[in-house]
C-alpha atoms as a PDB file:
ATOM      1  CA  MET A   1    -113.077   5.223 243.021  1.00  0.00           C
ATOM      2  CA  HIS A   2    -115.500   4.164 240.770  1.00  0.00           C
ATOM      3  CA  THR A   3    -114.889   1.155 238.080  1.00  0.00           C
ATOM      4  CA  THR A   4    -116.671   0.296 235.344  1.00  0.00           C
ATOM      5  CA  LYS A   5    -117.352  -3.454 235.201  1.00  0.00           C
ATOM      6  CA  ALA A   6    -116.514  -4.579 231.285  1.00  0.00           C
ATOM      7  CA  ARG A   7    -119.690  -5.430 229.941  1.00  0.00           C
ATOM      8  CA  ARG A   8    -119.604  -9.315 228.909  1.00  0.00           C
ATOM      9  CA  PRO A   9    -120.612  -9.212 224.728  1.00  0.00           C
ATOM     10  CA  VAL A  10    -124.044 -10.496 224.402  1.00  0.00           C
ATOM     11  CA  PRO A  11    -123.812 -13.928 222.282  1.00  0.00           C
ATOM     12  CA  THR A  12    -125.137 -14.218 218.964  1.00  0.00           C
ATOM     13  CA  ARG A  13    -127.425 -16.831 217.930  1.00  0.00           C
ATOM     14  CA  LYS A  14    -126.480 -19.258 215.035  1.00  0.00           C
ATOM     15  CA  PHE A  15    -129.086 -20.599 212.850  1.00  0.00           C
ATOM     16  CA  PRO A  16    -128.562 -23.369 211.445  1.00  0.00           C
ATOM     17  CA  GLN A  17    -127.956 -22.571 207.252  1.00  0.00           C
ATOM     18  CA  PRO A  18    -129.485 -25.387 204.979  1.00  0.00           C
ATOM     19  CA  LYS A  19    -126.822 -26.730 202.878  1.00  0.00           C
ATOM     20  CA  LEU A  20    -126.429 -26.007 199.562  1.00  0.00           C
ATOM     21  CA  LEU A  21    -126.348 -28.726 197.291  1.00  0.00           C
ATOM     22  CA  THR A  22    -123.089 -30.106 194.147  1.00  0.00           C
ATOM     23  CA  TYR A  23    -124.109 -31.557 191.154  1.00  0.00           C
ATOM     24  CA  GLU A  24    -122.602 -34.355 192.800  1.00  0.00           C
ATOM     25  CA  ASP A  25    -125.168 -34.367 195.459  1.00  0.00           C
ATOM     26  CA  TYR A  26    -128.005 -33.670 192.711  1.00  0.00           C
ATOM     27  CA  ALA A  27    -126.639 -36.792 190.829  1.00  0.00           C
ATOM     28  CA  ARG A  28    -126.815 -39.004 193.745  1.00  0.00           C
ATOM     29  CA  LEU A  29    -129.980 -37.914 194.882  1.00  0.00           C
ATOM     30  CA  THR A  30    -132.620 -37.908 192.094  1.00  0.00           C
ATOM     31  CA  PRO A  31    -133.462 -40.936 190.159  1.00  0.00           C
ATOM     32  CA  LEU A  32    -131.150 -42.332 187.379  1.00  0.00           C
ATOM     33  CA  ASN A  33    -132.291 -40.290 184.187  1.00  0.00           C
ATOM     34  CA  SER A  34    -135.526 -39.046 185.469  1.00  0.00           C
ATOM     35  CA  GLY A  35    -135.209 -35.891 183.638  1.00  0.00           C
ATOM     36  CA  ASN A  36    -137.910 -34.414 185.969  1.00  0.00           C
ATOM     37  CA  TYR A  37    -135.051 -32.674 188.558  1.00  0.00           C
ATOM     38  CA  GLU A  38    -133.247 -29.486 188.653  1.00  0.00           C
ATOM     39  CA  LEU A  39    -130.476 -28.209 190.817  1.00  0.00           C
ATOM     40  CA  ARG A  40    -131.677 -24.858 191.400  1.00  0.00           C
ATOM     41  CA  ASN A  41    -129.458 -22.652 193.534  1.00  0.00           C
ATOM     42  CA  GLY A  42    -128.432 -25.823 195.831  1.00  0.00           C
ATOM     43  CA  LYS A  43    -131.909 -27.072 196.383  1.00  0.00           C
ATOM     44  CA  ILE A  44    -133.390 -30.001 194.355  1.00  0.00           C
ATOM     45  CA  GLU A  45    -137.171 -28.879 192.503  1.00  0.00           C
ATOM     46  CA  ALA A  46    -139.237 -30.998 191.191  1.00  0.00           C
ATOM     47  CA  MET A  47    -140.365 -30.198 187.783  1.00  0.00           C
ATOM     48  CA  PRO A  48    -143.812 -31.315 186.228  1.00  0.00           C
ATOM     49  CA  SER A  49    -143.985 -32.939 182.968  1.00  0.00           C
ATOM     50  CA  PRO A  50    -144.589 -30.529 180.284  1.00  0.00           C
ATOM     51  CA  ILE A  51    -147.929 -29.715 178.346  1.00  0.00           C
ATOM     52  CA  PRO A  52    -148.325 -31.184 174.786  1.00  0.00           C
ATOM     53  CA  SER A  53    -148.348 -27.446 173.606  1.00  0.00           C
ATOM     54  CA  HIS A  54    -145.003 -26.573 175.079  1.00  0.00           C
ATOM     55  CA  GLN A  55    -143.668 -30.463 173.552  1.00  0.00           C
ATOM     56  CA  LEU A  56    -144.886 -29.255 169.963  1.00  0.00           C
ATOM     57  CA  ILE A  57    -143.224 -25.984 170.202  1.00  0.00           C
ATOM     58  CA  SER A  58    -140.135 -27.771 171.342  1.00  0.00           C
ATOM     59  CA  SER A  59    -140.319 -30.271 168.044  1.00  0.00           C
ATOM     60  CA  GLU A  60    -140.842 -27.233 166.155  1.00  0.00           C
ATOM     61  CA  LEU A  61    -137.515 -25.822 166.812  1.00  0.00           C
ATOM     62  CA  HIS A  62    -136.072 -28.746 166.853  1.00  0.00           C
ATOM     63  CA  ILE A  63    -136.496 -29.661 163.320  1.00  0.00           C
ATOM     64  CA  ALA A  64    -135.805 -26.125 162.170  1.00  0.00           C
ATOM     65  CA  LEU A  65    -132.629 -25.041 164.001  1.00  0.00           C
ATOM     66  CA  GLY A  66    -131.440 -28.296 164.745  1.00  0.00           C
ATOM     67  CA  GLY A  67    -131.879 -29.697 161.101  1.00  0.00           C
ATOM     68  CA  PHE A  68    -130.011 -26.007 159.986  1.00  0.00           C
ATOM     69  CA  ILE A  69    -127.433 -26.874 162.712  1.00  0.00           C
ATOM     70  CA  ARG A  70    -126.500 -30.261 161.397  1.00  0.00           C
ATOM     71  CA  GLN A  71    -126.729 -29.466 157.732  1.00  0.00           C
ATOM     72  CA  HIS A  72    -124.258 -26.841 158.189  1.00  0.00           C
ATOM     73  CA  ARG A  73    -122.126 -28.489 160.767  1.00  0.00           C
ATOM     74  CA  LEU A  74    -122.069 -25.632 163.432  1.00  0.00           C
ATOM     75  CA  GLY A  75    -122.243 -28.016 166.383  1.00  0.00           C
ATOM     76  CA  LYS A  76    -124.207 -30.197 168.311  1.00  0.00           C
ATOM     77  CA  PHE A  77    -128.352 -29.024 169.427  1.00  0.00           C
ATOM     78  CA  ILE A  78    -129.828 -30.807 171.936  1.00  0.00           C
ATOM     79  CA  ALA A  79    -133.134 -31.126 173.761  1.00  0.00           C
ATOM     80  CA  ALA A  80    -134.157 -31.372 177.155  1.00  0.00           C
ATOM     81  CA  PRO A  81    -133.523 -33.498 179.376  1.00  0.00           C
ATOM     82  CA  MET A  82    -130.236 -33.210 179.854  1.00  0.00           C
ATOM     83  CA  ASP A  83    -128.237 -32.012 182.887  1.00  0.00           C
ATOM     84  CA  THR A  84    -126.387 -28.799 182.183  1.00  0.00           C
ATOM     85  CA  GLN A  85    -124.368 -27.534 185.183  1.00  0.00           C
ATOM     86  CA  PHE A  86    -124.035 -24.115 185.178  1.00  0.00           C
ATOM     87  CA  THR A  87    -122.454 -23.645 188.519  1.00  0.00           C
ATOM     88  CA  GLU A  88    -121.399 -25.359 191.463  1.00  0.00           C
ATOM     89  CA  HIS A  89    -125.058 -25.362 192.884  1.00  0.00           C
ATOM     90  CA  ASP A  90    -126.972 -24.837 189.361  1.00  0.00           C
ATOM     91  CA  THR A  91    -127.753 -27.517 187.078  1.00  0.00           C
ATOM     92  CA  PHE A  92    -130.759 -26.978 184.870  1.00  0.00           C
ATOM     93  CA  GLN A  93    -132.551 -29.012 181.969  1.00  0.00           C
ATOM     94  CA  PRO A  94    -133.185 -26.088 179.308  1.00  0.00           C
ATOM     95  CA  ASP A  95    -135.698 -26.807 176.741  1.00  0.00           C
ATOM     96  CA  LEU A  96    -133.155 -26.978 174.127  1.00  0.00           C
ATOM     97  CA  LEU A  97    -129.642 -26.148 173.985  1.00  0.00           C
ATOM     98  CA  PHE A  98    -126.909 -25.098 170.837  1.00  0.00           C
ATOM     99  CA  VAL A  99    -123.223 -25.698 171.447  1.00  0.00           C
ATOM    100  CA  SER A 100    -120.750 -24.334 169.028  1.00  0.00           C
ATOM    101  CA  ASN A 101    -117.837 -26.262 166.848  1.00  0.00           C
ATOM    102  CA  GLU A 102    -115.604 -23.995 169.169  1.00  0.00           C
ATOM    103  CA  ARG A 103    -117.192 -25.145 172.317  1.00  0.00           C
ATOM    104  CA  LEU A 104    -117.606 -28.723 171.681  1.00  0.00           C
ATOM    105  CA  GLY A 105    -115.409 -29.277 174.799  1.00  0.00           C
ATOM    106  CA  ILE A 106    -118.428 -29.034 177.143  1.00  0.00           C
ATOM    107  CA  ILE A 107    -120.483 -31.780 176.568  1.00  0.00           C
ATOM    108  CA  GLY A 108    -119.147 -34.373 179.249  1.00  0.00           C
ATOM    109  CA  GLU A 109    -119.706 -37.969 179.147  1.00  0.00           C
ATOM    110  CA  LYS A 110    -122.642 -37.300 181.632  1.00  0.00           C
ATOM    111  CA  LYS A 111    -123.861 -33.648 181.339  1.00  0.00           C
ATOM    112  CA  ILE A 112    -123.106 -30.254 179.572  1.00  0.00           C
ATOM    113  CA  GLU A 113    -120.574 -28.648 181.794  1.00  0.00           C
ATOM    114  CA  GLY A 114    -120.980 -24.983 181.545  1.00  0.00           C
ATOM    115  CA  ALA A 115    -122.958 -22.687 179.854  1.00  0.00           C
ATOM    116  CA  PRO A 116    -123.855 -23.302 176.086  1.00  0.00           C
ATOM    117  CA  ASP A 117    -123.724 -20.556 172.912  1.00  0.00           C
ATOM    118  CA  LEU A 118    -127.998 -20.163 173.078  1.00  0.00           C
ATOM    119  CA  VAL A 119    -130.678 -21.240 175.410  1.00  0.00           C
ATOM    120  CA  VAL A 120    -134.233 -22.217 174.813  1.00  0.00           C
ATOM    121  CA  GLU A 121    -136.571 -21.993 177.234  1.00  0.00           C
ATOM    122  CA  ILE A 122    -140.565 -22.652 176.465  1.00  0.00           C
ATOM    123  CA  LEU A 123    -142.859 -21.173 179.747  1.00  0.00           C
ATOM    124  CA  SER A 124    -144.730 -23.736 181.366  1.00  0.00           C
ATOM    125  CA  PRO A 125    -148.107 -23.591 184.054  1.00  0.00           C
ATOM    126  CA  GLY A 126    -145.485 -24.888 186.653  1.00  0.00           C
ATOM    127  CA  ASN A 127    -143.092 -22.273 186.216  1.00  0.00           C
ATOM    128  CA  THR A 128    -142.830 -19.211 188.220  1.00  0.00           C
ATOM    129  CA  PRO A 129    -141.438 -15.576 187.733  1.00  0.00           C
ATOM    130  CA  LYS A 130    -138.898 -15.785 190.409  1.00  0.00           C
ATOM    131  CA  GLU A 131    -137.592 -19.352 188.576  1.00  0.00           C
ATOM    132  CA  MET A 132    -137.472 -17.945 185.658  1.00  0.00           C
ATOM    133  CA  SER A 133    -135.806 -14.071 186.336  1.00  0.00           C
ATOM    134  CA  TYR A 134    -133.104 -16.680 188.568  1.00  0.00           C
ATOM    135  CA  LYS A 135    -132.578 -18.943 185.491  1.00  0.00           C
ATOM    136  CA  ARG A 136    -132.058 -15.830 183.569  1.00  0.00           C
ATOM    137  CA  HIS A 137    -129.400 -14.119 186.083  1.00  0.00           C
ATOM    138  CA  VAL A 138    -127.546 -18.149 185.945  1.00  0.00           C
ATOM    139  CA  TYR A 139    -127.462 -17.985 181.792  1.00  0.00           C
ATOM    140  CA  GLU A 140    -126.103 -14.532 182.290  1.00  0.00           C
ATOM    141  CA  SER A 141    -123.518 -14.687 185.038  1.00  0.00           C
ATOM    142  CA  THR A 142    -122.025 -17.845 183.144  1.00  0.00           C
ATOM    143  CA  GLY A 143    -121.383 -16.764 179.819  1.00  0.00           C
ATOM    144  CA  VAL A 144    -124.609 -18.084 177.547  1.00  0.00           C
ATOM    145  CA  ARG A 145    -124.118 -16.058 174.510  1.00  0.00           C
ATOM    146  CA  GLU A 146    -127.626 -15.747 173.700  1.00  0.00           C
ATOM    147  CA  TYR A 147    -131.263 -16.937 175.028  1.00  0.00           C
ATOM    148  CA  TRP A 148    -134.630 -17.239 173.960  1.00  0.00           C
ATOM    149  CA  PHE A 149    -137.768 -17.206 176.288  1.00  0.00           C
ATOM    150  CA  ILE A 150    -141.139 -18.195 174.512  1.00  0.00           C
ATOM    151  CA  GLU A 151    -143.870 -17.681 176.040  1.00  0.00           C
ATOM    152  CA  PRO A 152    -147.056 -19.808 174.570  1.00  0.00           C
ATOM    153  CA  GLU A 153    -149.842 -18.664 175.559  1.00  0.00           C
ATOM    154  CA  GLN A 154    -148.993 -14.784 174.799  1.00  0.00           C
ATOM    155  CA  ARG A 155    -147.568 -16.540 171.147  1.00  0.00           C
ATOM    156  CA  THR A 156    -143.960 -14.386 171.911  1.00  0.00           C
ATOM    157  CA  LEU A 157    -140.762 -15.027 171.777  1.00  0.00           C
ATOM    158  CA  SER A 158    -138.496 -12.506 173.707  1.00  0.00           C
ATOM    159  CA  GLN A 159    -134.203 -12.517 172.549  1.00  0.00           C
ATOM    160  CA  TYR A 160    -131.628 -11.798 174.732  1.00  0.00           C
ATOM    161  CA  GLU A 161    -128.248 -11.434 173.365  1.00  0.00           C
ATOM    162  CA  ARG A 162    -125.201 -11.266 175.097  1.00  0.00           C
ATOM    163  CA  VAL A 163    -123.824  -7.310 174.978  1.00  0.00           C
ATOM    164  CA  GLY A 164    -120.608  -7.170 177.004  1.00  0.00           C
ATOM    165  CA  ASP A 165    -121.135  -8.752 180.863  1.00  0.00           C
ATOM    166  CA  GLU A 166    -125.187  -8.536 180.140  1.00  0.00           C
ATOM    167  CA  LEU A 167    -128.083 -10.852 178.449  1.00  0.00           C
ATOM    168  CA  ARG A 168    -129.555  -7.588 177.048  1.00  0.00           C
ATOM    169  CA  TRP A 169    -133.475  -7.632 175.864  1.00  0.00           C
ATOM    170  CA  GLN A 170    -133.125  -7.474 172.163  1.00  0.00           C
ATOM    171  CA  ARG A 171    -136.611  -7.799 170.571  1.00  0.00           C
ATOM    172  CA  THR A 172    -139.939  -9.666 171.225  1.00  0.00           C
ATOM    173  CA  LEU A 173    -141.363 -11.350 168.332  1.00  0.00           C
ATOM    174  CA  THR A 174    -144.944 -12.148 167.523  1.00  0.00           C
ATOM    175  CA  PRO A 175    -146.104 -15.171 165.112  1.00  0.00           C
ATOM    176  CA  ASP A 176    -145.687 -12.577 162.294  1.00  0.00           C
ATOM    177  CA  ASP A 177    -142.105 -11.875 162.512  1.00  0.00           C
ATOM    178  CA  ILE A 178    -138.759 -13.521 161.240  1.00  0.00           C
ATOM    179  CA  LEU A 179    -137.084 -15.445 163.931  1.00  0.00           C
ATOM    180  CA  ARG A 180    -133.344 -14.661 163.228  1.00  0.00           C
ATOM    181  CA  SER A 181    -129.881 -16.351 165.658  1.00  0.00           C
ATOM    182  CA  ALA A 182    -127.060 -13.934 166.582  1.00  0.00           C
ATOM    183  CA  VAL A 183    -125.204 -17.242 167.380  1.00  0.00           C
ATOM    184  CA  VAL A 184    -126.693 -19.468 164.247  1.00  0.00           C
ATOM    185  CA  ALA A 185    -125.461 -17.586 161.762  1.00  0.00           C
ATOM    186  CA  GLY A 186    -127.977 -17.419 158.634  1.00  0.00           C
ATOM    187  CA  PHE A 187    -130.772 -19.177 160.132  1.00  0.00           C
ATOM    188  CA  GLU A 188    -134.442 -17.911 160.163  1.00  0.00           C
ATOM    189  CA  MET A 189    -137.467 -18.759 159.881  1.00  0.00           C
ATOM    190  CA  GLY A 190    -141.023 -17.556 160.544  1.00  0.00           C
ATOM    191  CA  LEU A 191    -141.914 -17.589 164.168  1.00  0.00           C
ATOM    192  CA  GLY A 192    -145.615 -18.721 163.664  1.00  0.00           C
ATOM    193  CA  ARG A 193    -144.572 -21.773 162.350  1.00  0.00           C
ATOM    194  CA  ILE A 194    -144.020 -23.068 165.701  1.00  0.00           C
ATOM    195  CA  PHE A 195    -147.061 -22.227 167.410  1.00  0.00           C
ATOM    196  CA  GLU A 196    -149.133 -23.873 164.253  1.00  0.00           C
ATOM    197  CA  GLY A 197    -149.675 -26.758 166.406  1.00  0.00           C
END
């Protein structure tokens, strides 16, 4: 009588998996108040310092939009560097962010603890398409209501607004257009102002 020996299972090789870092790891490992690091998908990423054109755009928006928000007491408008924890493994430094009065509770003692209502990112030479695509995915999945993506070299601002569960592209503005916000009611300005510097 012929018997078949049971085949031994082939052992599967286990490859070491890198640990996904959390905000606590990030806060412990990065230089205190450096502002030049982000936690992206569980990895600490160094960011180069912004160039002058980036900062001039940020300053103009901060003066115009920040002044409007303060004048009308709509919430808090904050410029980078500001740790903003979106998930356990994602803590970014958005260039500018707005938190409405209804959600001021996410402003913690050391960081923003959740998705702001509006996030503004200004593209820098060191940013990669993969990085910006990942960030937009995180903004979408965590509940950001409006997202502005500014490309200084193209002199454009792309607006995304929450539609259901998505941050959906609405329009791309040029310097001749008027910038209005979906979440900061009543705000408007000529976009050309931010590129004058």
